[in-house]
N, C-alpha and C. Protein backbone atom coordinates (compact mmCIF):
# COMPACT_ATOMS: atom_id res chain seq x y z
N UNK A 1 0.85 -1.18 -0.17
CA UNK A 1 -0.11 0.13 -0.24
C UNK A 1 0.98 1.22 -0.04
N UNK A 2 0.61 2.31 -0.93
CA UNK A 2 1.34 3.67 -0.69
C UNK A 2 0.23 4.92 -0.54
N UNK A 3 0.48 5.46 0.45
CA UNK A 3 -0.36 6.69 0.97
C UNK A 3 0.39 7.77 0.86
N UNK A 4 -0.39 8.96 -0.07
CA UNK A 4 0.24 10.31 -0.27
C UNK A 4 -0.62 11.10 0.38
N UNK A 5 -0.24 12.03 1.03
CA UNK A 5 -1.22 13.17 1.18
C UNK A 5 -0.56 14.27 1.28
N UNK A 6 -1.57 15.48 0.93
CA UNK A 6 -0.86 17.03 0.87
C UNK A 6 -2.02 17.92 1.76
N UNK A 7 -1.64 18.95 2.08
CA UNK A 7 -2.58 19.78 2.93
C UNK A 7 -2.20 21.24 2.36
N UNK A 8 -3.14 21.78 1.89
CA UNK A 8 -3.19 23.26 1.60
C UNK A 8 -4.49 23.70 1.77
N UNK A 9 -4.33 24.99 2.51
CA UNK A 9 -5.41 25.71 3.13
C UNK A 9 -6.53 25.08 3.96
N UNK A 10 -6.02 23.69 5.23
CA UNK A 10 -6.70 23.20 5.37
C UNK A 10 -7.30 22.33 4.84
N UNK A 11 -7.14 22.08 3.40
CA UNK A 11 -7.84 20.73 2.87
C UNK A 11 -6.73 20.01 2.74
N UNK A 12 -6.91 18.47 2.87
CA UNK A 12 -5.89 17.54 3.02
C UNK A 12 -6.52 16.83 1.96
N UNK A 13 -5.59 16.49 0.73
CA UNK A 13 -6.00 15.26 -0.32
C UNK A 13 -5.33 14.36 -0.11
N UNK A 14 -5.58 13.02 0.29
CA UNK A 14 -5.31 11.68 0.28
C UNK A 14 -5.31 10.67 -1.16
N UNK A 15 -4.30 10.23 -1.40
CA UNK A 15 -3.92 9.49 -2.25
C UNK A 15 -3.90 7.60 -1.91
N UNK A 16 -4.48 7.04 -2.19
CA UNK A 16 -4.39 5.71 -1.77
C UNK A 16 -3.80 4.69 -3.22
N UNK A 17 -2.95 3.91 -3.17
CA UNK A 17 -2.62 2.96 -4.02
C UNK A 17 -2.74 1.66 -3.07
N UNK A 18 -3.71 1.00 -3.24
CA UNK A 18 -3.89 -0.14 -2.55
C UNK A 18 -3.28 -1.24 -3.34
N UNK A 19 -2.23 -2.17 -3.07
CA UNK A 19 -1.75 -3.40 -3.43
C UNK A 19 -2.60 -4.56 -3.32
N UNK A 20 -3.28 -4.56 -4.50
CA UNK A 20 -3.91 -6.07 -3.79
C UNK A 20 -4.84 -6.70 -5.31
N UNK A 21 -4.72 -8.02 -5.31
CA UNK A 21 -4.91 -8.51 -6.85
C UNK A 21 -6.38 -8.42 -7.34
N UNK A 22 -7.69 -7.90 -6.37
CA UNK A 22 -8.77 -7.84 -6.71
C UNK A 22 -9.32 -8.77 -7.52
N UNK A 23 -9.24 -9.87 -7.78
CA UNK A 23 -9.87 -11.30 -8.40
C UNK A 23 -11.21 -11.49 -8.10
N UNK A 24 -12.05 -11.25 -9.20
CA UNK A 24 -13.45 -11.41 -9.10
C UNK A 24 -13.90 -12.59 -8.79
N UNK A 25 -13.30 -13.89 -9.19
CA UNK A 25 -13.94 -15.13 -8.92
C UNK A 25 -15.02 -15.70 -9.75
N UNK A 26 -15.18 -14.91 -10.84
CA UNK A 26 -16.49 -15.33 -11.73
C UNK A 26 -15.69 -15.98 -13.09
N UNK A 27 -14.34 -16.26 -13.19
CA UNK A 27 -13.93 -16.74 -14.46
C UNK A 27 -13.66 -17.99 -14.42
N UNK A 28 -14.16 -18.88 -15.23
CA UNK A 28 -14.21 -20.10 -15.51
C UNK A 28 -12.92 -20.32 -16.39
N UNK A 29 -12.75 -22.21 -16.29
CA UNK A 29 -11.22 -22.28 -17.15
C UNK A 29 -10.14 -22.44 -16.53
N UNK A 30 -9.20 -23.08 -17.06
CA UNK A 30 -7.76 -23.26 -16.45
C UNK A 30 -7.38 -21.79 -15.89
N UNK A 31 -6.69 -21.98 -14.59
CA UNK A 31 -5.89 -20.69 -14.38
C UNK A 31 -6.75 -19.93 -13.64
N UNK A 32 -8.16 -20.06 -13.57
CA UNK A 32 -9.38 -19.18 -12.75
C UNK A 32 -8.95 -19.57 -11.24
N UNK A 33 -9.31 -17.82 -10.74
CA UNK A 33 -8.43 -17.97 -9.38
C UNK A 33 -9.80 -17.88 -8.27
N UNK A 34 -9.82 -18.27 -7.03
CA UNK A 34 -10.86 -18.01 -6.03
C UNK A 34 -11.18 -16.33 -6.23
N UNK A 35 -12.06 -15.96 -5.64
CA UNK A 35 -12.36 -14.74 -5.54
C UNK A 35 -11.55 -14.09 -4.30
N UNK A 36 -11.00 -12.96 -4.49
CA UNK A 36 -10.08 -12.40 -3.81
C UNK A 36 -9.96 -10.92 -3.81
N UNK A 37 -10.67 -10.25 -2.91
CA UNK A 37 -10.83 -8.78 -3.02
C UNK A 37 -11.16 -8.24 -1.83
N UNK A 38 -10.96 -6.67 -1.70
CA UNK A 38 -10.73 -5.91 -0.63
C UNK A 38 -12.56 -5.54 -0.49
N UNK A 39 -13.07 -5.90 0.68
CA UNK A 39 -14.62 -5.77 1.13
C UNK A 39 -14.76 -4.77 1.96
N UNK A 40 -13.88 -4.27 2.64
CA UNK A 40 -14.04 -3.07 3.59
C UNK A 40 -12.84 -2.21 3.81
N UNK A 41 -13.11 -0.70 3.60
CA UNK A 41 -12.35 0.09 3.85
C UNK A 41 -12.43 1.18 4.53
N UNK A 42 -11.30 1.15 5.60
CA UNK A 42 -11.67 2.71 6.40
C UNK A 42 -10.16 3.43 6.71
N UNK A 43 -10.60 4.58 6.77
CA UNK A 43 -9.40 5.60 6.87
C UNK A 43 -10.02 6.62 8.15
N UNK A 44 -8.87 6.59 9.06
CA UNK A 44 -8.84 7.14 10.28
C UNK A 44 -7.82 8.71 10.44
N UNK A 45 -8.38 9.69 10.76
CA UNK A 45 -7.31 10.52 11.20
C UNK A 45 -7.23 11.10 12.39
N UNK A 46 -6.12 11.06 13.02
CA UNK A 46 -6.34 11.18 14.76
C UNK A 46 -7.05 10.48 15.17
N UNK A 47 -7.60 8.88 15.00
CA UNK A 47 -8.37 8.25 15.20
C UNK A 47 -9.81 8.20 15.26
N UNK A 48 -10.15 9.55 14.54
CA UNK A 48 -11.64 9.82 13.76
C UNK A 48 -11.96 8.93 12.51
N UNK A 49 -12.64 8.35 12.32
CA UNK A 49 -13.05 7.66 11.04
C UNK A 49 -13.38 9.00 10.12
N UNK A 50 -12.80 8.92 9.11
CA UNK A 50 -13.13 10.31 8.12
C UNK A 50 -13.26 9.57 6.44
N UNK A 51 -13.11 8.54 6.40
CA UNK A 51 -13.50 7.89 5.18
C UNK A 51 -13.95 6.38 5.33
N UNK A 52 -14.91 5.56 4.76
CA UNK A 52 -15.02 4.15 4.89
C UNK A 52 -15.79 4.09 3.53
N UNK A 53 -15.52 2.47 3.05
CA UNK A 53 -16.12 2.06 1.93
C UNK A 53 -16.18 0.68 1.95
N UNK A 54 -17.41 0.02 1.69
CA UNK A 54 -17.75 -1.31 1.51
C UNK A 54 -17.43 -1.50 -0.32
N UNK A 55 -16.42 -2.29 -0.56
CA UNK A 55 -15.86 -2.45 -1.88
C UNK A 55 -16.36 -3.73 -2.24
N UNK A 56 -16.53 -4.07 -3.75
CA UNK A 56 -16.68 -5.26 -4.10
C UNK A 56 -15.35 -5.65 -4.94
N UNK A 57 -15.73 -7.17 -5.99
CA UNK A 57 -14.96 -7.28 -6.91
C UNK A 57 -14.78 -6.32 -8.22
N UNK A 58 -15.83 -5.30 -8.11
CA UNK A 58 -15.89 -4.90 -9.41
C UNK A 58 -14.48 -3.97 -9.72
N UNK A 59 -14.08 -3.62 -8.57
CA UNK A 59 -12.60 -2.63 -8.93
C UNK A 59 -11.59 -3.31 -9.38
N UNK A 60 -10.51 -3.16 -10.18
CA UNK A 60 -9.23 -3.57 -10.85
C UNK A 60 -8.63 -3.94 -10.02
N UNK A 61 -7.68 -4.55 -10.28
CA UNK A 61 -6.17 -4.87 -9.53
C UNK A 61 -5.77 -3.64 -9.14
N UNK A 62 -5.08 -3.74 -7.94
CA UNK A 62 -4.30 -2.47 -7.36
C UNK A 62 -5.17 -1.11 -7.49
N UNK A 63 -6.49 -1.00 -6.77
CA UNK A 63 -6.97 -0.14 -6.90
C UNK A 63 -6.50 1.26 -6.40
N UNK A 64 -6.97 2.51 -6.76
CA UNK A 64 -6.29 3.91 -6.55
C UNK A 64 -7.58 4.69 -6.05
N UNK A 65 -7.33 5.24 -4.95
CA UNK A 65 -8.63 6.06 -4.49
C UNK A 65 -8.06 7.43 -4.50
N UNK A 66 -8.98 8.20 -3.83
CA UNK A 66 -8.32 9.60 -3.70
C UNK A 66 -9.89 10.45 -3.15
N UNK A 67 -9.21 11.14 -2.25
CA UNK A 67 -10.58 11.71 -1.22
C UNK A 67 -10.07 12.82 -0.62
N UNK A 68 -10.67 13.95 -0.12
CA UNK A 68 -10.43 15.09 0.57
C UNK A 68 -10.69 15.69 1.75
N UNK A 69 -10.50 15.98 2.83
CA UNK A 69 -11.31 16.31 4.11
C UNK A 69 -10.44 17.19 4.92
N UNK A 70 -11.28 17.98 5.84
CA UNK A 70 -10.70 19.16 6.62
C UNK A 70 -9.75 18.50 7.38
N UNK A 71 -8.37 19.28 7.71
CA UNK A 71 -7.38 18.65 8.45
C UNK A 71 -6.38 19.42 8.21
N UNK A 72 -5.06 19.19 9.21
CA UNK A 72 -3.83 20.01 9.42
C UNK A 72 -2.59 19.05 9.28
N UNK A 73 -1.61 19.60 8.71
CA UNK A 73 -0.32 18.75 9.26
C UNK A 73 0.00 18.37 10.40
N UNK A 74 0.56 17.27 10.64
CA UNK A 74 0.92 16.86 12.04
C UNK A 74 0.07 15.96 12.34
N UNK A 75 -0.94 15.63 11.76
CA UNK A 75 -1.90 14.49 11.92
C UNK A 75 -1.75 13.20 11.78
N UNK A 76 -2.20 12.12 12.08
CA UNK A 76 -1.86 10.95 11.44
C UNK A 76 -2.90 10.00 10.85
N UNK A 77 -2.65 9.72 9.60
CA UNK A 77 -3.81 8.84 8.82
C UNK A 77 -3.41 7.36 9.33
N UNK A 78 -4.42 6.74 9.36
CA UNK A 78 -4.28 5.18 9.62
C UNK A 78 -5.49 4.27 8.76
N UNK A 79 -4.71 3.65 7.72
CA UNK A 79 -5.79 3.13 6.54
C UNK A 79 -5.71 1.51 7.08
N UNK A 80 -6.99 1.08 6.99
CA UNK A 80 -7.47 -0.13 7.43
C UNK A 80 -8.16 -0.95 6.16
N UNK A 81 -8.09 -2.29 6.26
CA UNK A 81 -8.84 -3.07 5.10
C UNK A 81 -8.77 -4.29 5.65
N UNK A 82 -9.99 -4.87 5.33
CA UNK A 82 -10.22 -6.28 5.36
C UNK A 82 -10.64 -6.97 3.97
N UNK A 83 -10.09 -8.28 3.58
CA UNK A 83 -10.74 -8.70 1.87
C UNK A 83 -11.57 -9.77 2.31
N UNK A 84 -12.05 -10.50 1.62
CA UNK A 84 -13.12 -11.61 1.80
C UNK A 84 -12.34 -13.02 2.06
N UNK A 85 -11.26 -12.82 2.24
CA UNK A 85 -10.36 -13.95 2.24
C UNK A 85 -10.21 -14.13 4.29
N UNK A 86 -10.63 -12.66 4.77
CA UNK A 86 -10.29 -12.68 6.28
C UNK A 86 -9.17 -11.77 6.28
N UNK A 87 -8.10 -11.69 5.62
CA UNK A 87 -7.13 -11.03 5.76
C UNK A 87 -7.16 -9.22 6.35
N UNK A 88 -6.36 -8.90 7.05
CA UNK A 88 -6.55 -7.58 7.36
C UNK A 88 -5.19 -6.57 6.95
N UNK A 89 -5.23 -5.66 6.58
CA UNK A 89 -3.89 -4.83 6.42
C UNK A 89 -4.10 -3.34 7.15
N UNK A 90 -3.06 -2.89 7.79
CA UNK A 90 -2.87 -1.47 8.50
C UNK A 90 -1.73 -0.72 8.13
N UNK A 91 -1.92 0.77 7.86
CA UNK A 91 -0.99 1.27 7.55
C UNK A 91 -0.97 2.67 8.23
N UNK A 92 0.17 3.21 8.60
CA UNK A 92 0.08 4.35 9.41
C UNK A 92 0.96 5.72 8.54
N UNK A 93 0.23 6.75 8.63
CA UNK A 93 0.88 7.60 7.77
C UNK A 93 0.70 9.09 8.28
N UNK A 94 2.00 9.79 8.84
CA UNK A 94 2.19 11.09 9.44
C UNK A 94 2.19 12.10 8.21
N UNK A 95 1.08 13.00 8.30
CA UNK A 95 0.90 14.22 7.57
C UNK A 95 2.19 15.50 7.77
């Protein structure tokens, strides 16, 4: 996972590059894999939830997400996700 964040005039822009295969599991035939995709994504800023999403297999591999919120430098972003295989991932990023 790669996190980029910038602040300008009290508005923080966050860009998330999520490293995940996002396999839909609907393809038949040789080499077809089992469904493997991020289901839940949450972003917290200094412990407060600022963004959450229920995702599906409709997203492409290694999805990119961008959003904005009111914030300031010095805070900490925490990005958490859970995929349909039960795996969790957590990353921290200081603004």
